[in-house]
Amino acid sequence: MTEADILERVREIVADKLGIPEEDVAPDSNFVDDLGADSLYLTEIVYELEEAFSIRVSEDDFDQLRTVGQAVSYIAERVR
């Protein structure tokens, strides 16, 4: 799975959870500042990402994932 594939799936999940168009979800989008996600939405997004990519995100890592690009890189390191 390429990073482009991962980005596309992450964009789908984030857009669906936040009720926004996929084109508004860019790699440099900050989940809170740019996309308006609160802690509940972030938790739901991470849960969906864990399910979609069969990974687990620790609490420490969860706190470090601030942008869509960071999430994509995190996932890419774990699904290769």
PDB file of N, CA and C in Angstrom:
ATOM      1  N   MET A   1       0.851  -1.176   0.000  1.00  0.00           N
ATOM      2  CA  MET A   1       0.000   0.000   0.000  1.00  0.00           C
ATOM      3  C   MET A   1       0.900   1.244   0.000  1.00  0.00           C
ATOM      4  N   THR A   2       0.658   2.138  -0.936  1.00  0.00           N
ATOM      5  CA  THR A   2       1.476   3.343  -1.045  1.00  0.00           C
ATOM      6  C   THR A   2       0.946   4.441  -0.113  1.00  0.00           C
ATOM      7  N   GLU A   3       1.779   5.459   0.106  1.00  0.00           N
ATOM      8  CA  GLU A   3       1.329   6.586   0.930  1.00  0.00           C
ATOM      9  C   GLU A   3       0.161   7.299   0.268  1.00  0.00           C
ATOM     10  N   ALA A   4       0.131   7.314  -1.071  1.00  0.00           N
ATOM     11  CA  ALA A   4      -0.990   7.934  -1.778  1.00  0.00           C
ATOM     12  C   ALA A   4      -2.286   7.181  -1.489  1.00  0.00           C
ATOM     13  N   ASP A   5      -2.211   5.847  -1.456  1.00  0.00           N
ATOM     14  CA  ASP A   5      -3.384   5.030  -1.121  1.00  0.00           C
ATOM     15  C   ASP A   5      -3.843   5.308   0.312  1.00  0.00           C
ATOM     16  N   ILE A   6      -2.865   5.392   1.204  1.00  0.00           N
ATOM     17  CA  ILE A   6      -3.178   5.650   2.612  1.00  0.00           C
ATOM     18  C   ILE A   6      -3.820   7.027   2.749  1.00  0.00           C
ATOM     19  N   LEU A   7      -3.237   8.028   2.077  1.00  0.00           N
ATOM     20  CA  LEU A   7      -3.792   9.383   2.140  1.00  0.00           C
ATOM     21  C   LEU A   7      -5.234   9.406   1.661  1.00  0.00           C
ATOM     22  N   GLU A   8      -5.515   8.725   0.584  1.00  0.00           N
ATOM     23  CA  GLU A   8      -6.875   8.723   0.053  1.00  0.00           C
ATOM     24  C   GLU A   8      -7.859   8.135   1.060  1.00  0.00           C
ATOM     25  N   ARG A   9      -7.480   7.033   1.682  1.00  0.00           N
ATOM     26  CA  ARG A   9      -8.363   6.398   2.677  1.00  0.00           C
ATOM     27  C   ARG A   9      -8.507   7.275   3.917  1.00  0.00           C
ATOM     28  N   VAL A  10      -7.420   7.891   4.363  1.00  0.00           N
ATOM     29  CA  VAL A  10      -7.478   8.791   5.516  1.00  0.00           C
ATOM     30  C   VAL A  10      -8.394   9.971   5.195  1.00  0.00           C
ATOM     31  N   ARG A  11      -8.262  10.526   4.003  1.00  0.00           N
ATOM     32  CA  ARG A  11      -9.119  11.653   3.599  1.00  0.00           C
ATOM     33  C   ARG A  11     -10.601  11.243   3.638  1.00  0.00           C
ATOM     34  N   GLU A  12     -10.899  10.052   3.143  1.00  0.00           N
ATOM     35  CA  GLU A  12     -12.280   9.561   3.156  1.00  0.00           C
ATOM     36  C   GLU A  12     -12.816   9.468   4.580  1.00  0.00           C
ATOM     37  N   ILE A  13     -12.024   8.885   5.459  1.00  0.00           N
ATOM     38  CA  ILE A  13     -12.451   8.693   6.845  1.00  0.00           C
ATOM     39  C   ILE A  13     -12.649  10.036   7.540  1.00  0.00           C
ATOM     40  N   VAL A  14     -11.677  10.931   7.408  1.00  0.00           N
ATOM     41  CA  VAL A  14     -11.755  12.230   8.073  1.00  0.00           C
ATOM     42  C   VAL A  14     -12.944  13.030   7.548  1.00  0.00           C
ATOM     43  N   ALA A  15     -13.110  13.060   6.241  1.00  0.00           N
ATOM     44  CA  ALA A  15     -14.221  13.809   5.649  1.00  0.00           C
ATOM     45  C   ALA A  15     -15.560  13.255   6.115  1.00  0.00           C
ATOM     46  N   ASP A  16     -15.660  11.932   6.157  1.00  0.00           N
ATOM     47  CA  ASP A  16     -16.906  11.301   6.597  1.00  0.00           C
ATOM     48  C   ASP A  16     -17.210  11.637   8.053  1.00  0.00           C
ATOM     49  N   LYS A  17     -16.215  11.495   8.912  1.00  0.00           N
ATOM     50  CA  LYS A  17     -16.424  11.747  10.344  1.00  0.00           C
ATOM     51  C   LYS A  17     -16.756  13.208  10.631  1.00  0.00           C
ATOM     52  N   LEU A  18     -16.117  14.124   9.898  1.00  0.00           N
ATOM     53  CA  LEU A  18     -16.314  15.543  10.175  1.00  0.00           C
ATOM     54  C   LEU A  18     -17.398  16.180   9.312  1.00  0.00           C
ATOM     55  N   GLY A  19     -17.930  15.414   8.355  1.00  0.00           N
ATOM     56  CA  GLY A  19     -18.992  15.939   7.502  1.00  0.00           C
ATOM     57  C   GLY A  19     -18.514  17.075   6.604  1.00  0.00           C
ATOM     58  N   ILE A  20     -17.296  16.924   6.079  1.00  0.00           N
ATOM     59  CA  ILE A  20     -16.742  17.944   5.192  1.00  0.00           C
ATOM     60  C   ILE A  20     -16.342  17.295   3.867  1.00  0.00           C
ATOM     61  N   PRO A  21     -16.173  18.095   2.813  1.00  0.00           N
ATOM     62  CA  PRO A  21     -15.739  17.532   1.526  1.00  0.00           C
ATOM     63  C   PRO A  21     -14.315  16.986   1.611  1.00  0.00           C
ATOM     64  N   GLU A  22     -14.062  15.879   0.917  1.00  0.00           N
ATOM     65  CA  GLU A  22     -12.720  15.279   0.923  1.00  0.00           C
ATOM     66  C   GLU A  22     -11.657  16.250   0.442  1.00  0.00           C
ATOM     67  N   GLU A  23     -12.012  17.109  -0.513  1.00  0.00           N
ATOM     68  CA  GLU A  23     -11.015  18.038  -1.044  1.00  0.00           C
ATOM     69  C   GLU A  23     -10.551  19.063  -0.005  1.00  0.00           C
ATOM     70  N   ASP A  24     -11.281  19.193   1.105  1.00  0.00           N
ATOM     71  CA  ASP A  24     -10.871  20.087   2.193  1.00  0.00           C
ATOM     72  C   ASP A  24      -9.829  19.449   3.107  1.00  0.00           C
ATOM     73  N   VAL A  25      -9.590  18.149   2.926  1.00  0.00           N
ATOM     74  CA  VAL A  25      -8.654  17.416   3.780  1.00  0.00           C
ATOM     75  C   VAL A  25      -7.335  17.252   3.035  1.00  0.00           C
ATOM     76  N   ALA A  26      -6.351  18.071   3.406  1.00  0.00           N
ATOM     77  CA  ALA A  26      -5.039  18.055   2.763  1.00  0.00           C
ATOM     78  C   ALA A  26      -4.000  17.495   3.735  1.00  0.00           C
ATOM     79  N   PRO A  27      -2.857  17.049   3.215  1.00  0.00           N
ATOM     80  CA  PRO A  27      -1.831  16.506   4.105  1.00  0.00           C
ATOM     81  C   PRO A  27      -1.397  17.474   5.198  1.00  0.00           C
ATOM     82  N   ASP A  28      -1.391  18.762   4.905  1.00  0.00           N
ATOM     83  CA  ASP A  28      -0.956  19.726   5.918  1.00  0.00           C
ATOM     84  C   ASP A  28      -2.095  20.239   6.791  1.00  0.00           C
ATOM     85  N   SER A  29      -3.288  19.681   6.623  1.00  0.00           N
ATOM     86  CA  SER A  29      -4.436  20.093   7.441  1.00  0.00           C
ATOM     87  C   SER A  29      -4.262  19.639   8.882  1.00  0.00           C
ATOM     88  N   ASN A  30      -4.389  20.586   9.796  1.00  0.00           N
ATOM     89  CA  ASN A  30      -4.360  20.283  11.220  1.00  0.00           C
ATOM     90  C   ASN A  30      -5.773  19.842  11.613  1.00  0.00           C
ATOM     91  N   PHE A  31      -5.867  18.705  12.298  1.00  0.00           N
ATOM     92  CA  PHE A  31      -7.180  18.173  12.645  1.00  0.00           C
ATOM     93  C   PHE A  31      -8.031  19.176  13.419  1.00  0.00           C
ATOM     94  N   VAL A  32      -7.438  19.862  14.374  1.00  0.00           N
ATOM     95  CA  VAL A  32      -8.186  20.791  15.234  1.00  0.00           C
ATOM     96  C   VAL A  32      -8.302  22.167  14.591  1.00  0.00           C
ATOM     97  N   ASP A  33      -7.171  22.764  14.252  1.00  0.00           N
ATOM     98  CA  ASP A  33      -7.162  24.145  13.778  1.00  0.00           C
ATOM     99  C   ASP A  33      -7.789  24.332  12.401  1.00  0.00           C
ATOM    100  N   ASP A  34      -7.510  23.410  11.478  1.00  0.00           N
ATOM    101  CA  ASP A  34      -7.997  23.570  10.109  1.00  0.00           C
ATOM    102  C   ASP A  34      -9.310  22.849   9.845  1.00  0.00           C
ATOM    103  N   LEU A  35      -9.495  21.697  10.469  1.00  0.00           N
ATOM    104  CA  LEU A  35     -10.663  20.873  10.165  1.00  0.00           C
ATOM    105  C   LEU A  35     -11.742  20.928  11.240  1.00  0.00           C
ATOM    106  N   GLY A  36     -11.442  21.548  12.375  1.00  0.00           N
ATOM    107  CA  GLY A  36     -12.435  21.751  13.418  1.00  0.00           C
ATOM    108  C   GLY A  36     -12.781  20.526  14.243  1.00  0.00           C
ATOM    109  N   ALA A  37     -11.887  19.549  14.284  1.00  0.00           N
ATOM    110  CA  ALA A  37     -12.154  18.336  15.066  1.00  0.00           C
ATOM    111  C   ALA A  37     -11.921  18.611  16.552  1.00  0.00           C
ATOM    112  N   ASP A  38     -12.869  18.162  17.373  1.00  0.00           N
ATOM    113  CA  ASP A  38     -12.659  18.237  18.820  1.00  0.00           C
ATOM    114  C   ASP A  38     -12.150  16.877  19.298  1.00  0.00           C
ATOM    115  N   SER A  39     -11.957  16.723  20.597  1.00  0.00           N
ATOM    116  CA  SER A  39     -11.364  15.493  21.115  1.00  0.00           C
ATOM    117  C   SER A  39     -12.217  14.261  20.813  1.00  0.00           C
ATOM    118  N   LEU A  40     -13.523  14.399  20.827  1.00  0.00           N
ATOM    119  CA  LEU A  40     -14.392  13.266  20.507  1.00  0.00           C
ATOM    120  C   LEU A  40     -14.216  12.848  19.048  1.00  0.00           C
ATOM    121  N   TYR A  41     -14.216  13.824  18.147  1.00  0.00           N
ATOM    122  CA  TYR A  41     -14.006  13.509  16.729  1.00  0.00           C
ATOM    123  C   TYR A  41     -12.632  12.874  16.505  1.00  0.00           C
ATOM    124  N   LEU A  42     -11.612  13.393  17.180  1.00  0.00           N
ATOM    125  CA  LEU A  42     -10.270  12.830  17.027  1.00  0.00           C
ATOM    126  C   LEU A  42     -10.239  11.376  17.466  1.00  0.00           C
ATOM    127  N   THR A  43     -10.901  11.088  18.573  1.00  0.00           N
ATOM    128  CA  THR A  43     -10.962   9.713  19.060  1.00  0.00           C
ATOM    129  C   THR A  43     -11.662   8.812  18.042  1.00  0.00           C
ATOM    130  N   GLU A  44     -12.756   9.290  17.477  1.00  0.00           N
ATOM    131  CA  GLU A  44     -13.492   8.507  16.474  1.00  0.00           C
ATOM    132  C   GLU A  44     -12.663   8.299  15.214  1.00  0.00           C
ATOM    133  N   ILE A  45     -11.964   9.350  14.793  1.00  0.00           N
ATOM    134  CA  ILE A  45     -11.120   9.236  13.599  1.00  0.00           C
ATOM    135  C   ILE A  45     -10.017   8.207  13.829  1.00  0.00           C
ATOM    136  N   VAL A  46      -9.348   8.283  14.963  1.00  0.00           N
ATOM    137  CA  VAL A  46      -8.272   7.336  15.250  1.00  0.00           C
ATOM    138  C   VAL A  46      -8.818   5.908  15.322  1.00  0.00           C
ATOM    139  N   TYR A  47      -9.983   5.729  15.931  1.00  0.00           N
ATOM    140  CA  TYR A  47     -10.598   4.398  15.975  1.00  0.00           C
ATOM    141  C   TYR A  47     -10.834   3.873  14.557  1.00  0.00           C
ATOM    142  N   GLU A  48     -11.375   4.719  13.690  1.00  0.00           N
ATOM    143  CA  GLU A  48     -11.637   4.316  12.305  1.00  0.00           C
ATOM    144  C   GLU A  48     -10.337   3.991  11.571  1.00  0.00           C
ATOM    145  N   LEU A  49      -9.298   4.778  11.813  1.00  0.00           N
ATOM    146  CA  LEU A  49      -8.006   4.504  11.182  1.00  0.00           C
ATOM    147  C   LEU A  49      -7.429   3.179  11.670  1.00  0.00           C
ATOM    148  N   GLU A  50      -7.566   2.916  12.963  1.00  0.00           N
ATOM    149  CA  GLU A  50      -7.097   1.640  13.507  1.00  0.00           C
ATOM    150  C   GLU A  50      -7.819   0.477  12.835  1.00  0.00           C
ATOM    151  N   GLU A  51      -9.110   0.605  12.681  1.00  0.00           N
ATOM    152  CA  GLU A  51      -9.901  -0.456  12.049  1.00  0.00           C
ATOM    153  C   GLU A  51      -9.543  -0.613  10.570  1.00  0.00           C
ATOM    154  N   ALA A  52      -9.440   0.502   9.858  1.00  0.00           N
ATOM    155  CA  ALA A  52      -9.193   0.469   8.415  1.00  0.00           C
ATOM    156  C   ALA A  52      -7.830  -0.107   8.060  1.00  0.00           C
ATOM    157  N   PHE A  53      -6.837   0.156   8.912  1.00  0.00           N
ATOM    158  CA  PHE A  53      -5.469  -0.255   8.588  1.00  0.00           C
ATOM    159  C   PHE A  53      -4.938  -1.356   9.504  1.00  0.00           C
ATOM    160  N   SER A  54      -5.784  -1.892  10.371  1.00  0.00           N
ATOM    161  CA  SER A  54      -5.387  -2.969  11.289  1.00  0.00           C
ATOM    162  C   SER A  54      -4.137  -2.608  12.082  1.00  0.00           C
ATOM    163  N   ILE A  55      -4.170  -1.426  12.690  1.00  0.00           N
ATOM    164  CA  ILE A  55      -3.069  -0.967  13.529  1.00  0.00           C
ATOM    165  C   ILE A  55      -3.634  -0.559  14.883  1.00  0.00           C
ATOM    166  N   ARG A  56      -2.737  -0.287  15.822  1.00  0.00           N
ATOM    167  CA  ARG A  56      -3.119   0.257  17.121  1.00  0.00           C
ATOM    168  C   ARG A  56      -2.317   1.527  17.342  1.00  0.00           C
ATOM    169  N   VAL A  57      -2.976   2.558  17.832  1.00  0.00           N
ATOM    170  CA  VAL A  57      -2.331   3.839  18.102  1.00  0.00           C
ATOM    171  C   VAL A  57      -2.272   4.017  19.619  1.00  0.00           C
ATOM    172  N   SER A  58      -1.058   4.090  20.158  1.00  0.00           N
ATOM    173  CA  SER A  58      -0.912   4.272  21.601  1.00  0.00           C
ATOM    174  C   SER A  58      -1.336   5.688  21.991  1.00  0.00           C
ATOM    175  N   GLU A  59      -1.589   5.890  23.272  1.00  0.00           N
ATOM    176  CA  GLU A  59      -1.983   7.223  23.752  1.00  0.00           C
ATOM    177  C   GLU A  59      -0.905   8.251  23.477  1.00  0.00           C
ATOM    178  N   ASP A  60       0.358   7.867  23.684  1.00  0.00           N
ATOM    179  CA  ASP A  60       1.457   8.790  23.426  1.00  0.00           C
ATOM    180  C   ASP A  60       1.496   9.194  21.954  1.00  0.00           C
ATOM    181  N   ASP A  61       1.323   8.208  21.077  1.00  0.00           N
ATOM    182  CA  ASP A  61       1.327   8.503  19.641  1.00  0.00           C
ATOM    183  C   ASP A  61       0.100   9.327  19.257  1.00  0.00           C
ATOM    184  N   PHE A  62      -1.034   9.017  19.850  1.00  0.00           N
ATOM    185  CA  PHE A  62      -2.275   9.735  19.584  1.00  0.00           C
ATOM    186  C   PHE A  62      -2.081  11.236  19.788  1.00  0.00           C
ATOM    187  N   ASP A  63      -1.397  11.602  20.858  1.00  0.00           N
ATOM    188  CA  ASP A  63      -1.170  13.013  21.180  1.00  0.00           C
ATOM    189  C   ASP A  63      -0.252  13.696  20.175  1.00  0.00           C
ATOM    190  N   GLN A  64       0.540  12.930  19.449  1.00  0.00           N
ATOM    191  CA  GLN A  64       1.490  13.501  18.492  1.00  0.00           C
ATOM    192  C   GLN A  64       0.912  13.664  17.085  1.00  0.00           C
ATOM    193  N   LEU A  65      -0.213  13.044  16.808  1.00  0.00           N
ATOM    194  CA  LEU A  65      -0.801  13.108  15.469  1.00  0.00           C
ATOM    195  C   LEU A  65      -1.671  14.357  15.355  1.00  0.00           C
ATOM    196  N   ARG A  66      -1.086  15.409  14.831  1.00  0.00           N
ATOM    197  CA  ARG A  66      -1.794  16.685  14.743  1.00  0.00           C
ATOM    198  C   ARG A  66      -2.291  17.007  13.341  1.00  0.00           C
ATOM    199  N   THR A  67      -1.627  16.456  12.318  1.00  0.00           N
ATOM    200  CA  THR A  67      -2.026  16.746  10.941  1.00  0.00           C
ATOM    201  C   THR A  67      -2.360  15.465  10.191  1.00  0.00           C
ATOM    202  N   VAL A  68      -3.030  15.632   9.087  1.00  0.00           N
ATOM    203  CA  VAL A  68      -3.369  14.496   8.235  1.00  0.00           C
ATOM    204  C   VAL A  68      -2.085  13.831   7.743  1.00  0.00           C
ATOM    205  N   GLY A  69      -1.112  14.626   7.353  1.00  0.00           N
ATOM    206  CA  GLY A  69       0.163  14.075   6.880  1.00  0.00           C
ATOM    207  C   GLY A  69       0.883  13.258   7.932  1.00  0.00           C
ATOM    208  N   GLN A  70       0.843  13.714   9.185  1.00  0.00           N
ATOM    209  CA  GLN A  70       1.460  12.951  10.269  1.00  0.00           C
ATOM    210  C   GLN A  70       0.750  11.611  10.443  1.00  0.00           C
ATOM    211  N   ALA A  71      -0.556  11.618  10.324  1.00  0.00           N
ATOM    212  CA  ALA A  71      -1.318  10.371  10.438  1.00  0.00           C
ATOM    213  C   ALA A  71      -0.957   9.420   9.305  1.00  0.00           C
ATOM    214  N   VAL A  72      -0.841   9.943   8.094  1.00  0.00           N
ATOM    215  CA  VAL A  72      -0.490   9.115   6.937  1.00  0.00           C
ATOM    216  C   VAL A  72       0.897   8.501   7.132  1.00  0.00           C
ATOM    217  N   SER A  73       1.868   9.297   7.557  1.00  0.00           N
ATOM    218  CA  SER A  73       3.226   8.783   7.784  1.00  0.00           C
ATOM    219  C   SER A  73       3.229   7.723   8.880  1.00  0.00           C
ATOM    220  N   TYR A  74       2.490   7.973   9.942  1.00  0.00           N
ATOM    221  CA  TYR A  74       2.395   7.027  11.055  1.00  0.00           C
ATOM    222  C   TYR A  74       1.846   5.686  10.566  1.00  0.00           C
ATOM    223  N   ILE A  75       0.792   5.750   9.782  1.00  0.00           N
ATOM    224  CA  ILE A  75       0.170   4.526   9.266  1.00  0.00           C
ATOM    225  C   ILE A  75       1.127   3.824   8.302  1.00  0.00           C
ATOM    226  N   ALA A  76       1.749   4.585   7.418  1.00  0.00           N
ATOM    227  CA  ALA A  76       2.652   3.991   6.425  1.00  0.00           C
ATOM    228  C   ALA A  76       3.783   3.220   7.071  1.00  0.00           C
ATOM    229  N   GLU A  77       4.292   3.703   8.189  1.00  0.00           N
ATOM    230  CA  GLU A  77       5.375   3.018   8.900  1.00  0.00           C
ATOM    231  C   GLU A  77       4.915   1.685   9.487  1.00  0.00           C
ATOM    232  N   ARG A  78       3.641   1.545   9.710  1.00  0.00           N
ATOM    233  CA  ARG A  78       3.135   0.360  10.392  1.00  0.00           C
ATOM    234  C   ARG A  78       2.466  -0.670   9.476  1.00  0.00           C
ATOM    235  N   VAL A  79       2.143  -0.302   8.246  1.00  0.00           N
ATOM    236  CA  VAL A  79       1.455  -1.251   7.377  1.00  0.00           C
ATOM    237  C   VAL A  79       2.348  -1.829   6.278  1.00  0.00           C
ATOM    238  N   ARG A  80       3.579  -1.415   6.238  1.00  0.00           N
ATOM    239  CA  ARG A  80       4.486  -1.929   5.188  1.00  0.00           C
ATOM    240  C   ARG A  80       4.963  -3.305   5.466  1.00  0.00           C
TER     241      ARG A  80
END
